[in-house]
Amino acid sequence: MLGRLTYEGLSAAYSSMPRNEFVDRMNSIPKYVASTTLTEPTWNATVIEGDVAAFVADLKSRAGGDILKYGNGSLDVTLMNHRLIDEFHLLLTPVALGRGQHLFEHLDGAPQLRLLDVSPFTNGVVVLKYAPN
């Protein structure tokens, strides 16, 4: 699941990458894009029409495994406000940038999160796993 901007960036990147197991998997899995402006999706994607929260709630009710959502933006606000996110897997990288969008900047109030796990990688990246309370 992706918002339009994340979809456009990832589809351009993965469609032009040299093939390997991970790239092939990313290119082959079905993608759902929350957008009111995207009209002709490619990259094995479907645009979510109508009520995004209702669509995601229905998708979650089906059998079939985890739903992954990449990027951050207004789709996160919709999913959080409707309590449709079960876990956050946040990758903390050892690079500090002075600008950029904050993950929860458009939510009313700070979300209450419970730390589930911390997984460090040898390159300094740390995966932080949280669940909403």
C-alpha atoms as a PDB file:
ATOM      1  CA  MET A   1       0.000   0.000   0.000  1.00  0.00           C
ATOM      2  CA  LEU A   2       1.351   3.386  -0.987  1.00  0.00           C
ATOM      3  CA  GLY A   3       0.400   6.991  -1.398  1.00  0.00           C
ATOM      4  CA  ARG A   4       0.793   8.470  -4.878  1.00  0.00           C
ATOM      5  CA  LEU A   5       4.148  10.190  -4.349  1.00  0.00           C
ATOM      6  CA  THR A   6       5.744   7.110  -2.809  1.00  0.00           C
ATOM      7  CA  TYR A   7       4.247   4.957  -5.569  1.00  0.00           C
ATOM      8  CA  GLU A   8       5.662   7.190  -8.296  1.00  0.00           C
ATOM      9  CA  GLY A   9       9.138   7.212  -6.759  1.00  0.00           C
ATOM     10  CA  LEU A  10       9.304   3.496  -6.024  1.00  0.00           C
ATOM     11  CA  SER A  11       7.788   2.406  -9.337  1.00  0.00           C
ATOM     12  CA  ALA A  12      10.360   4.444 -11.275  1.00  0.00           C
ATOM     13  CA  ALA A  13      13.219   3.103  -9.155  1.00  0.00           C
ATOM     14  CA  TYR A  14      12.268  -0.582  -9.043  1.00  0.00           C
ATOM     15  CA  SER A  15      11.237  -0.750 -12.689  1.00  0.00           C
ATOM     16  CA  SER A  16      14.746   0.288 -13.731  1.00  0.00           C
ATOM     17  CA  MET A  17      16.825  -1.696 -11.195  1.00  0.00           C
ATOM     18  CA  PRO A  18      18.860  -4.734 -12.193  1.00  0.00           C
ATOM     19  CA  ARG A  19      16.858  -7.850 -11.466  1.00  0.00           C
ATOM     20  CA  ASN A  20      17.476  -9.883  -8.335  1.00  0.00           C
ATOM     21  CA  GLU A  21      15.227 -11.810  -5.946  1.00  0.00           C
ATOM     22  CA  PHE A  22      14.195  -8.752  -3.922  1.00  0.00           C
ATOM     23  CA  VAL A  23      13.581  -6.515  -6.949  1.00  0.00           C
ATOM     24  CA  ASP A  24      11.578  -9.256  -8.670  1.00  0.00           C
ATOM     25  CA  ARG A  25       9.447  -9.658  -5.534  1.00  0.00           C
ATOM     26  CA  MET A  26       8.839  -5.908  -5.245  1.00  0.00           C
ATOM     27  CA  ASN A  27       7.888  -5.714  -8.908  1.00  0.00           C
ATOM     28  CA  SER A  28       5.530  -8.698  -8.735  1.00  0.00           C
ATOM     29  CA  ILE A  29       3.520  -8.111  -5.556  1.00  0.00           C
ATOM     30  CA  PRO A  30       0.158  -6.354  -5.942  1.00  0.00           C
ATOM     31  CA  LYS A  31       0.154  -2.730  -4.892  1.00  0.00           C
ATOM     32  CA  TYR A  32      -2.734  -0.502  -3.814  1.00  0.00           C
ATOM     33  CA  VAL A  33      -2.299   3.237  -4.284  1.00  0.00           C
ATOM     34  CA  ALA A  34      -4.313   5.836  -2.388  1.00  0.00           C
ATOM     35  CA  SER A  35      -4.685   8.674  -4.875  1.00  0.00           C
ATOM     36  CA  THR A  36      -7.313  10.968  -6.294  1.00  0.00           C
ATOM     37  CA  THR A  37      -5.125  11.996  -9.240  1.00  0.00           C
ATOM     38  CA  LEU A  38      -3.421   8.818 -10.486  1.00  0.00           C
ATOM     39  CA  THR A  39      -5.437   7.510 -13.411  1.00  0.00           C
ATOM     40  CA  GLU A  40      -3.261   4.949 -15.188  1.00  0.00           C
ATOM     41  CA  PRO A  41      -1.251   2.930 -12.702  1.00  0.00           C
ATOM     42  CA  THR A  42       1.430   0.516 -13.812  1.00  0.00           C
ATOM     43  CA  TRP A  43       3.867  -1.557 -11.732  1.00  0.00           C
ATOM     44  CA  ASN A  44       1.199  -4.113 -10.790  1.00  0.00           C
ATOM     45  CA  ALA A  45      -0.839  -1.428  -9.008  1.00  0.00           C
ATOM     46  CA  THR A  46      -4.503  -0.663  -8.430  1.00  0.00           C
ATOM     47  CA  VAL A  47      -5.779   2.765  -7.431  1.00  0.00           C
ATOM     48  CA  ILE A  48      -8.040   2.675  -4.369  1.00  0.00           C
ATOM     49  CA  GLU A  49     -11.340   4.248  -5.374  1.00  0.00           C
ATOM     50  CA  GLY A  50     -13.751   5.741  -2.869  1.00  0.00           C
ATOM     51  CA  ASP A  51     -13.326   5.462   0.888  1.00  0.00           C
ATOM     52  CA  VAL A  52      -9.705   4.469   1.592  1.00  0.00           C
ATOM     53  CA  ALA A  53     -10.401   3.491   5.214  1.00  0.00           C
ATOM     54  CA  ALA A  54     -13.266   1.196   4.196  1.00  0.00           C
ATOM     55  CA  PHE A  55     -11.116  -0.356   1.458  1.00  0.00           C
ATOM     56  CA  VAL A  56      -8.254  -1.051   3.877  1.00  0.00           C
ATOM     57  CA  ALA A  57     -10.596  -2.411   6.559  1.00  0.00           C
ATOM     58  CA  ASP A  58     -12.047  -4.807   3.983  1.00  0.00           C
ATOM     59  CA  LEU A  59      -8.569  -5.793   2.771  1.00  0.00           C
ATOM     60  CA  LYS A  60      -7.480  -6.506   6.358  1.00  0.00           C
ATOM     61  CA  SER A  61     -10.510  -8.750   6.903  1.00  0.00           C
ATOM     62  CA  ARG A  62      -9.429 -11.079   4.092  1.00  0.00           C
ATOM     63  CA  ALA A  63      -7.043 -13.977   4.577  1.00  0.00           C
ATOM     64  CA  GLY A  64      -3.707 -13.640   2.891  1.00  0.00           C
ATOM     65  CA  GLY A  65      -0.995 -12.279   5.153  1.00  0.00           C
ATOM     66  CA  ASP A  66       0.442  -8.942   6.064  1.00  0.00           C
ATOM     67  CA  ILE A  67      -0.269  -5.637   4.357  1.00  0.00           C
ATOM     68  CA  LEU A  68       2.818  -3.472   4.043  1.00  0.00           C
ATOM     69  CA  LYS A  69       2.657   0.285   3.642  1.00  0.00           C
ATOM     70  CA  TYR A  70       5.655   2.246   2.413  1.00  0.00           C
ATOM     71  CA  GLY A  71       6.375   5.942   2.854  1.00  0.00           C
ATOM     72  CA  ASN A  72       4.635   8.484   5.015  1.00  0.00           C
ATOM     73  CA  GLY A  73       2.055  11.172   4.428  1.00  0.00           C
ATOM     74  CA  SER A  74      -1.668  11.762   4.484  1.00  0.00           C
ATOM     75  CA  LEU A  75      -2.438   8.051   4.018  1.00  0.00           C
ATOM     76  CA  ASP A  76      -0.846   7.428   7.427  1.00  0.00           C
ATOM     77  CA  VAL A  77      -3.174   9.943   9.033  1.00  0.00           C
ATOM     78  CA  THR A  78      -6.210   8.211   7.518  1.00  0.00           C
ATOM     79  CA  LEU A  79      -5.006   4.777   8.609  1.00  0.00           C
ATOM     80  CA  MET A  80      -4.111   5.950  12.126  1.00  0.00           C
ATOM     81  CA  ASN A  81      -7.373   7.828  12.623  1.00  0.00           C
ATOM     82  CA  HIS A  82      -9.303   4.680  11.698  1.00  0.00           C
ATOM     83  CA  ARG A  83      -7.076   2.418  13.819  1.00  0.00           C
ATOM     84  CA  LEU A  84      -6.025   0.388  10.790  1.00  0.00           C
ATOM     85  CA  ILE A  85      -2.308   0.142  11.585  1.00  0.00           C
ATOM     86  CA  ASP A  86      -1.220  -2.831  13.661  1.00  0.00           C
ATOM     87  CA  GLU A  87       2.523  -2.161  13.718  1.00  0.00           C
ATOM     88  CA  PHE A  88       5.077   0.392  12.624  1.00  0.00           C
ATOM     89  CA  HIS A  89       8.503  -0.786  11.483  1.00  0.00           C
ATOM     90  CA  LEU A  90      10.599   2.361  11.464  1.00  0.00           C
ATOM     91  CA  LEU A  91      14.122   2.320  10.052  1.00  0.00           C
ATOM     92  CA  LEU A  92      16.367   4.723  11.918  1.00  0.00           C
ATOM     93  CA  THR A  93      19.412   5.609   9.849  1.00  0.00           C
ATOM     94  CA  PRO A  94      22.578   7.280  11.170  1.00  0.00           C
ATOM     95  CA  VAL A  95      21.976  10.375   9.026  1.00  0.00           C
ATOM     96  CA  ALA A  96      20.366  13.571  10.305  1.00  0.00           C
ATOM     97  CA  LEU A  97      18.591  15.870   7.864  1.00  0.00           C
ATOM     98  CA  GLY A  98      17.390  19.330   8.782  1.00  0.00           C
ATOM     99  CA  ARG A  99      14.206  19.175   6.750  1.00  0.00           C
ATOM    100  CA  GLY A 100      11.541  16.735   5.754  1.00  0.00           C
ATOM    101  CA  GLN A 101       8.070  15.621   6.626  1.00  0.00           C
ATOM    102  CA  HIS A 102       7.488  14.387  10.152  1.00  0.00           C
ATOM    103  CA  LEU A 103       5.803  11.003  10.374  1.00  0.00           C
ATOM    104  CA  PHE A 104       2.944  12.121  12.627  1.00  0.00           C
ATOM    105  CA  GLU A 105       2.789  15.842  11.846  1.00  0.00           C
ATOM    106  CA  HIS A 106      -0.823  15.840  10.634  1.00  0.00           C
ATOM    107  CA  LEU A 107      -2.337  13.735  13.420  1.00  0.00           C
ATOM    108  CA  ASP A 108      -4.415  15.360  16.111  1.00  0.00           C
ATOM    109  CA  GLY A 109      -2.236  14.809  19.168  1.00  0.00           C
ATOM    110  CA  ALA A 110       0.745  12.533  19.568  1.00  0.00           C
ATOM    111  CA  PRO A 111       0.062   8.844  18.974  1.00  0.00           C
ATOM    112  CA  GLN A 112       0.633   6.531  21.904  1.00  0.00           C
ATOM    113  CA  LEU A 113       2.989   3.773  20.789  1.00  0.00           C
ATOM    114  CA  ARG A 114       4.363   0.706  22.570  1.00  0.00           C
ATOM    115  CA  LEU A 115       7.882  -0.474  21.676  1.00  0.00           C
ATOM    116  CA  LEU A 116       7.798  -4.127  20.591  1.00  0.00           C
ATOM    117  CA  ASP A 117      11.320  -4.778  19.334  1.00  0.00           C
ATOM    118  CA  VAL A 118      14.639  -3.203  18.352  1.00  0.00           C
ATOM    119  CA  SER A 119      16.823  -4.803  15.651  1.00  0.00           C
ATOM    120  CA  PRO A 120      20.216  -3.275  14.791  1.00  0.00           C
ATOM    121  CA  PHE A 121      22.064  -3.920  11.529  1.00  0.00           C
ATOM    122  CA  THR A 122      25.849  -3.851  11.111  1.00  0.00           C
ATOM    123  CA  ASN A 123      25.600  -0.707   8.917  1.00  0.00           C
ATOM    124  CA  GLY A 124      24.172   1.310  11.822  1.00  0.00           C
ATOM    125  CA  VAL A 125      20.532   1.172  10.738  1.00  0.00           C
ATOM    126  CA  VAL A 126      18.148   0.214  13.536  1.00  0.00           C
ATOM    127  CA  VAL A 127      14.628  -1.148  12.977  1.00  0.00           C
ATOM    128  CA  LEU A 128      12.219  -0.012  15.666  1.00  0.00           C
ATOM    129  CA  LYS A 129       8.975  -1.967  15.865  1.00  0.00           C
ATOM    130  CA  TYR A 130       6.029  -0.238  17.571  1.00  0.00           C
ATOM    131  CA  ALA A 131       2.342  -0.988  18.051  1.00  0.00           C
ATOM    132  CA  PRO A 132      -0.321   1.667  18.606  1.00  0.00           C
ATOM    133  CA  ASN A 133      -1.902   1.475  22.072  1.00  0.00           C
END
